[in-house]
Amino acid sequence: MSTSPRLASAVDGKSANIRTVMRHSPKVREAFDAMYATLWSGGEAPVDVKELMRLRNARVTDCGL
């Protein structure tokens, strides 16, 4: 997986990352934020386990922790 963005930032002077790219579409940002909130607040796994999984995934995919 590449850490090079495939889409440009929607914010002048800011590098492309998930937040600046999603500024292209507020509806996409709203949907993503709702999904992410559900992911963290629901389910069977405790939040600390979810955080460990997030950190491991970031390291495996070289997302630039």
PDB file of N, CA and C in Angstrom:
ATOM      1  N   MET A   1       0.849  -1.176   0.000  1.00  0.00           N
ATOM      2  CA  MET A   1       0.000   0.000   0.000  1.00  0.00           C
ATOM      3  C   MET A   1       0.891   1.234   0.000  1.00  0.00           C
ATOM      4  N   SER A   2       0.550   2.178  -0.820  1.00  0.00           N
ATOM      5  CA  SER A   2       1.331   3.395  -0.945  1.00  0.00           C
ATOM      6  C   SER A   2       0.886   4.451   0.065  1.00  0.00           C
ATOM      7  N   THR A   3       1.836   5.237   0.507  1.00  0.00           N
ATOM      8  CA  THR A   3       1.499   6.375   1.362  1.00  0.00           C
ATOM      9  C   THR A   3       1.402   7.662   0.541  1.00  0.00           C
ATOM     10  N   SER A   4       1.582   7.548  -0.774  1.00  0.00           N
ATOM     11  CA  SER A   4       1.447   8.705  -1.658  1.00  0.00           C
ATOM     12  C   SER A   4      -0.020   8.924  -1.996  1.00  0.00           C
ATOM     13  N   PRO A   5      -0.550  10.119  -1.719  1.00  0.00           N
ATOM     14  CA  PRO A   5      -1.959  10.371  -1.999  1.00  0.00           C
ATOM     15  C   PRO A   5      -2.275  10.304  -3.483  1.00  0.00           C
ATOM     16  N   ARG A   6      -3.425   9.748  -3.816  1.00  0.00           N
ATOM     17  CA  ARG A   6      -3.860   9.671  -5.204  1.00  0.00           C
ATOM     18  C   ARG A   6      -4.775  10.830  -5.562  1.00  0.00           C
ATOM     19  N   LEU A   7      -5.268  11.530  -4.553  1.00  0.00           N
ATOM     20  CA  LEU A   7      -6.139  12.685  -4.762  1.00  0.00           C
ATOM     21  C   LEU A   7      -5.497  13.916  -4.142  1.00  0.00           C
ATOM     22  N   ALA A   8      -5.815  15.053  -4.696  1.00  0.00           N
ATOM     23  CA  ALA A   8      -5.252  16.310  -4.196  1.00  0.00           C
ATOM     24  C   ALA A   8      -6.040  16.822  -2.998  1.00  0.00           C
ATOM     25  N   SER A   9      -5.370  17.592  -2.199  1.00  0.00           N
ATOM     26  CA  SER A   9      -6.019  18.258  -1.071  1.00  0.00           C
ATOM     27  C   SER A   9      -7.021  19.288  -1.586  1.00  0.00           C
ATOM     28  N   ALA A  10      -8.104  19.438  -0.870  1.00  0.00           N
ATOM     29  CA  ALA A  10      -9.091  20.470  -1.202  1.00  0.00           C
ATOM     30  C   ALA A  10      -8.792  21.767  -0.446  1.00  0.00           C
ATOM     31  N   VAL A  11      -7.717  21.770   0.324  1.00  0.00           N
ATOM     32  CA  VAL A  11      -7.351  22.930   1.138  1.00  0.00           C
ATOM     33  C   VAL A  11      -6.035  23.491   0.601  1.00  0.00           C
ATOM     34  N   ASP A  12      -6.084  24.706   0.090  1.00  0.00           N
ATOM     35  CA  ASP A  12      -4.878  25.337  -0.448  1.00  0.00           C
ATOM     36  C   ASP A  12      -3.783  25.397   0.608  1.00  0.00           C
ATOM     37  N   GLY A  13      -2.588  24.998   0.202  1.00  0.00           N
ATOM     38  CA  GLY A  13      -1.446  25.066   1.092  1.00  0.00           C
ATOM     39  C   GLY A  13      -1.312  23.906   2.055  1.00  0.00           C
ATOM     40  N   LYS A  14      -2.260  22.978   2.045  1.00  0.00           N
ATOM     41  CA  LYS A  14      -2.202  21.817   2.939  1.00  0.00           C
ATOM     42  C   LYS A  14      -1.935  20.567   2.125  1.00  0.00           C
ATOM     43  N   SER A  15      -1.135  19.674   2.668  1.00  0.00           N
ATOM     44  CA  SER A  15      -0.863  18.423   1.961  1.00  0.00           C
ATOM     45  C   SER A  15      -2.089  17.523   2.007  1.00  0.00           C
ATOM     46  N   ALA A  16      -2.159  16.613   1.066  1.00  0.00           N
ATOM     47  CA  ALA A  16      -3.292  15.698   0.979  1.00  0.00           C
ATOM     48  C   ALA A  16      -3.228  14.662   2.098  1.00  0.00           C
ATOM     49  N   ASN A  17      -4.297  14.538   2.833  1.00  0.00           N
ATOM     50  CA  ASN A  17      -4.476  13.478   3.811  1.00  0.00           C
ATOM     51  C   ASN A  17      -5.976  13.199   3.860  1.00  0.00           C
ATOM     52  N   ILE A  18      -6.400  12.249   4.653  1.00  0.00           N
ATOM     53  CA  ILE A  18      -7.797  11.844   4.617  1.00  0.00           C
ATOM     54  C   ILE A  18      -8.748  13.017   4.887  1.00  0.00           C
ATOM     55  N   ARG A  19      -8.389  13.887   5.780  1.00  0.00           N
ATOM     56  CA  ARG A  19      -9.279  15.001   6.124  1.00  0.00           C
ATOM     57  C   ARG A  19      -9.313  16.083   5.037  1.00  0.00           C
ATOM     58  N   THR A  20      -8.165  16.433   4.482  1.00  0.00           N
ATOM     59  CA  THR A  20      -8.163  17.493   3.472  1.00  0.00           C
ATOM     60  C   THR A  20      -8.738  17.013   2.147  1.00  0.00           C
ATOM     61  N   VAL A  21      -8.590  15.735   1.843  1.00  0.00           N
ATOM     62  CA  VAL A  21      -9.176  15.199   0.614  1.00  0.00           C
ATOM     63  C   VAL A  21     -10.693  15.098   0.750  1.00  0.00           C
ATOM     64  N   MET A  22     -11.184  14.700   1.919  1.00  0.00           N
ATOM     65  CA  MET A  22     -12.633  14.581   2.099  1.00  0.00           C
ATOM     66  C   MET A  22     -13.340  15.935   2.073  1.00  0.00           C
ATOM     67  N   ARG A  23     -12.587  17.012   2.148  1.00  0.00           N
ATOM     68  CA  ARG A  23     -13.189  18.342   2.036  1.00  0.00           C
ATOM     69  C   ARG A  23     -13.775  18.592   0.650  1.00  0.00           C
ATOM     70  N   HIS A  24     -13.403  17.752  -0.328  1.00  0.00           N
ATOM     71  CA  HIS A  24     -13.993  17.862  -1.660  1.00  0.00           C
ATOM     72  C   HIS A  24     -15.491  17.573  -1.615  1.00  0.00           C
ATOM     73  N   SER A  25     -15.912  16.747  -0.671  1.00  0.00           N
ATOM     74  CA  SER A  25     -17.320  16.357  -0.585  1.00  0.00           C
ATOM     75  C   SER A  25     -17.779  16.291   0.863  1.00  0.00           C
ATOM     76  N   PRO A  26     -18.492  17.315   1.329  1.00  0.00           N
ATOM     77  CA  PRO A  26     -18.985  17.294   2.704  1.00  0.00           C
ATOM     78  C   PRO A  26     -19.878  16.082   3.005  1.00  0.00           C
ATOM     79  N   LYS A  27     -20.626  15.595   2.015  1.00  0.00           N
ATOM     80  CA  LYS A  27     -21.476  14.421   2.246  1.00  0.00           C
ATOM     81  C   LYS A  27     -20.631  13.179   2.529  1.00  0.00           C
ATOM     82  N   VAL A  28     -19.530  13.045   1.810  1.00  0.00           N
ATOM     83  CA  VAL A  28     -18.636  11.913   2.064  1.00  0.00           C
ATOM     84  C   VAL A  28     -18.052  12.037   3.463  1.00  0.00           C
ATOM     85  N   ARG A  29     -17.651  13.240   3.842  1.00  0.00           N
ATOM     86  CA  ARG A  29     -17.078  13.459   5.179  1.00  0.00           C
ATOM     87  C   ARG A  29     -18.088  13.125   6.268  1.00  0.00           C
ATOM     88  N   GLU A  30     -19.334  13.556   6.108  1.00  0.00           N
ATOM     89  CA  GLU A  30     -20.376  13.244   7.097  1.00  0.00           C
ATOM     90  C   GLU A  30     -20.593  11.745   7.216  1.00  0.00           C
ATOM     91  N   ALA A  31     -20.665  11.068   6.083  1.00  0.00           N
ATOM     92  CA  ALA A  31     -20.878   9.613   6.093  1.00  0.00           C
ATOM     93  C   ALA A  31     -19.693   8.900   6.748  1.00  0.00           C
ATOM     94  N   PHE A  32     -18.478   9.333   6.423  1.00  0.00           N
ATOM     95  CA  PHE A  32     -17.298   8.715   7.026  1.00  0.00           C
ATOM     96  C   PHE A  32     -17.280   8.932   8.532  1.00  0.00           C
ATOM     97  N   ASP A  33     -17.557  10.159   8.967  1.00  0.00           N
ATOM     98  CA  ASP A  33     -17.546  10.452  10.403  1.00  0.00           C
ATOM     99  C   ASP A  33     -18.597   9.634  11.148  1.00  0.00           C
ATOM    100  N   ALA A  34     -19.771   9.457  10.551  1.00  0.00           N
ATOM    101  CA  ALA A  34     -20.827   8.639  11.183  1.00  0.00           C
ATOM    102  C   ALA A  34     -20.382   7.184  11.279  1.00  0.00           C
ATOM    103  N   MET A  35     -19.785   6.663  10.215  1.00  0.00           N
ATOM    104  CA  MET A  35     -19.304   5.284  10.226  1.00  0.00           C
ATOM    105  C   MET A  35     -18.198   5.109  11.263  1.00  0.00           C
ATOM    106  N   TYR A  36     -17.277   6.048  11.327  1.00  0.00           N
ATOM    107  CA  TYR A  36     -16.150   5.950  12.250  1.00  0.00           C
ATOM    108  C   TYR A  36     -16.629   6.017  13.704  1.00  0.00           C
ATOM    109  N   ALA A  37     -17.599   6.880  13.977  1.00  0.00           N
ATOM    110  CA  ALA A  37     -18.162   6.968  15.330  1.00  0.00           C
ATOM    111  C   ALA A  37     -18.834   5.649  15.723  1.00  0.00           C
ATOM    112  N   THR A  38     -19.543   5.044  14.792  1.00  0.00           N
ATOM    113  CA  THR A  38     -20.191   3.761  15.047  1.00  0.00           C
ATOM    114  C   THR A  38     -19.144   2.683  15.310  1.00  0.00           C
ATOM    115  N   LEU A  39     -18.090   2.686  14.527  1.00  0.00           N
ATOM    116  CA  LEU A  39     -17.018   1.719  14.702  1.00  0.00           C
ATOM    117  C   LEU A  39     -16.426   1.788  16.104  1.00  0.00           C
ATOM    118  N   TRP A  40     -16.155   2.999  16.574  1.00  0.00           N
ATOM    119  CA  TRP A  40     -15.504   3.152  17.871  1.00  0.00           C
ATOM    120  C   TRP A  40     -16.453   2.997  19.047  1.00  0.00           C
ATOM    121  N   SER A  41     -17.727   3.335  18.871  1.00  0.00           N
ATOM    122  CA  SER A  41     -18.644   3.284  20.015  1.00  0.00           C
ATOM    123  C   SER A  41     -19.428   1.981  20.118  1.00  0.00           C
ATOM    124  N   GLY A  42     -19.452   1.192  19.052  1.00  0.00           N
ATOM    125  CA  GLY A  42     -20.241  -0.031  19.071  1.00  0.00           C
ATOM    126  C   GLY A  42     -19.388  -1.273  19.010  1.00  0.00           C
ATOM    127  N   GLY A  43     -20.060  -2.415  18.956  1.00  0.00           N
ATOM    128  CA  GLY A  43     -19.366  -3.681  18.804  1.00  0.00           C
ATOM    129  C   GLY A  43     -18.976  -4.315  20.116  1.00  0.00           C
ATOM    130  N   GLU A  44     -18.324  -5.452  19.990  1.00  0.00           N
ATOM    131  CA  GLU A  44     -17.951  -6.252  21.154  1.00  0.00           C
ATOM    132  C   GLU A  44     -16.555  -5.949  21.683  1.00  0.00           C
ATOM    133  N   ALA A  45     -15.659  -5.524  20.820  1.00  0.00           N
ATOM    134  CA  ALA A  45     -14.277  -5.285  21.249  1.00  0.00           C
ATOM    135  C   ALA A  45     -14.180  -3.988  22.048  1.00  0.00           C
ATOM    136  N   PRO A  46     -13.436  -4.021  23.157  1.00  0.00           N
ATOM    137  CA  PRO A  46     -13.234  -2.796  23.935  1.00  0.00           C
ATOM    138  C   PRO A  46     -12.407  -1.770  23.144  1.00  0.00           C
ATOM    139  N   VAL A  47     -12.547  -0.512  23.495  1.00  0.00           N
ATOM    140  CA  VAL A  47     -11.869   0.571  22.782  1.00  0.00           C
ATOM    141  C   VAL A  47     -10.351   0.391  22.792  1.00  0.00           C
ATOM    142  N   ASP A  48      -9.773  -0.081  23.892  1.00  0.00           N
ATOM    143  CA  ASP A  48      -8.316  -0.252  23.925  1.00  0.00           C
ATOM    144  C   ASP A  48      -7.844  -1.314  22.931  1.00  0.00           C
ATOM    145  N   VAL A  49      -8.633  -2.351  22.727  1.00  0.00           N
ATOM    146  CA  VAL A  49      -8.298  -3.373  21.738  1.00  0.00           C
ATOM    147  C   VAL A  49      -8.432  -2.792  20.325  1.00  0.00           C
ATOM    148  N   LYS A  50      -9.464  -2.006  20.099  1.00  0.00           N
ATOM    149  CA  LYS A  50      -9.639  -1.366  18.791  1.00  0.00           C
ATOM    150  C   LYS A  50      -8.458  -0.447  18.483  1.00  0.00           C
ATOM    151  N   GLU A  51      -7.990   0.273  19.495  1.00  0.00           N
ATOM    152  CA  GLU A  51      -6.851   1.170  19.295  1.00  0.00           C
ATOM    153  C   GLU A  51      -5.592   0.377  18.970  1.00  0.00           C
ATOM    154  N   LEU A  52      -5.364  -0.737  19.642  1.00  0.00           N
ATOM    155  CA  LEU A  52      -4.211  -1.576  19.320  1.00  0.00           C
ATOM    156  C   LEU A  52      -4.305  -2.107  17.892  1.00  0.00           C
ATOM    157  N   MET A  53      -5.493  -2.486  17.461  1.00  0.00           N
ATOM    158  CA  MET A  53      -5.688  -2.958  16.093  1.00  0.00           C
ATOM    159  C   MET A  53      -5.409  -1.832  15.092  1.00  0.00           C
ATOM    160  N   ARG A  54      -5.861  -0.624  15.428  1.00  0.00           N
ATOM    161  CA  ARG A  54      -5.626   0.528  14.542  1.00  0.00           C
ATOM    162  C   ARG A  54      -4.131   0.805  14.413  1.00  0.00           C
ATOM    163  N   LEU A  55      -3.411   0.761  15.529  1.00  0.00           N
ATOM    164  CA  LEU A  55      -1.971   1.005  15.498  1.00  0.00           C
ATOM    165  C   LEU A  55      -1.230  -0.080  14.723  1.00  0.00           C
ATOM    166  N   ARG A  56      -1.627  -1.330  14.907  1.00  0.00           N
ATOM    167  CA  ARG A  56      -0.986  -2.419  14.168  1.00  0.00           C
ATOM    168  C   ARG A  56      -1.239  -2.261  12.667  1.00  0.00           C
ATOM    169  N   ASN A  57      -2.474  -1.953  12.303  1.00  0.00           N
ATOM    170  CA  ASN A  57      -2.784  -1.767  10.894  1.00  0.00           C
ATOM    171  C   ASN A  57      -1.970  -0.610  10.309  1.00  0.00           C
ATOM    172  N   ALA A  58      -1.825   0.455  11.055  1.00  0.00           N
ATOM    173  CA  ALA A  58      -1.039   1.595  10.581  1.00  0.00           C
ATOM    174  C   ALA A  58       0.408   1.194  10.350  1.00  0.00           C
ATOM    175  N   ARG A  59       0.950   0.390  11.241  1.00  0.00           N
ATOM    176  CA  ARG A  59       2.341  -0.042  11.082  1.00  0.00           C
ATOM    177  C   ARG A  59       2.482  -0.984   9.888  1.00  0.00           C
ATOM    178  N   VAL A  60       1.569  -1.929   9.745  1.00  0.00           N
ATOM    179  CA  VAL A  60       1.637  -2.900   8.651  1.00  0.00           C
ATOM    180  C   VAL A  60       1.497  -2.218   7.294  1.00  0.00           C
ATOM    181  N   THR A  61       0.629  -1.209   7.208  1.00  0.00           N
ATOM    182  CA  THR A  61       0.399  -0.530   5.927  1.00  0.00           C
ATOM    183  C   THR A  61       1.312   0.673   5.727  1.00  0.00           C
ATOM    184  N   ASP A  62       2.194   0.919   6.686  1.00  0.00           N
ATOM    185  CA  ASP A  62       3.157   2.023   6.600  1.00  0.00           C
ATOM    186  C   ASP A  62       2.459   3.353   6.340  1.00  0.00           C
ATOM    187  N   CYS A  63       1.445   3.634   7.175  1.00  0.00           N
ATOM    188  CA  CYS A  63       0.663   4.849   6.961  1.00  0.00           C
ATOM    189  C   CYS A  63       1.299   6.099   7.522  1.00  0.00           C
ATOM    190  N   GLY A  64       2.459   5.991   8.124  1.00  0.00           N
ATOM    191  CA  GLY A  64       3.154   7.183   8.603  1.00  0.00           C
ATOM    192  C   GLY A  64       2.797   7.567  10.015  1.00  0.00           C
ATOM    193  N   LEU A  65       2.774   6.615  10.908  1.00  0.00           N
ATOM    194  CA  LEU A  65       2.475   6.896  12.312  1.00  0.00           C
ATOM    195  C   LEU A  65       3.379   7.948  12.895  1.00  0.00           C
TER     196      LEU A  65
END
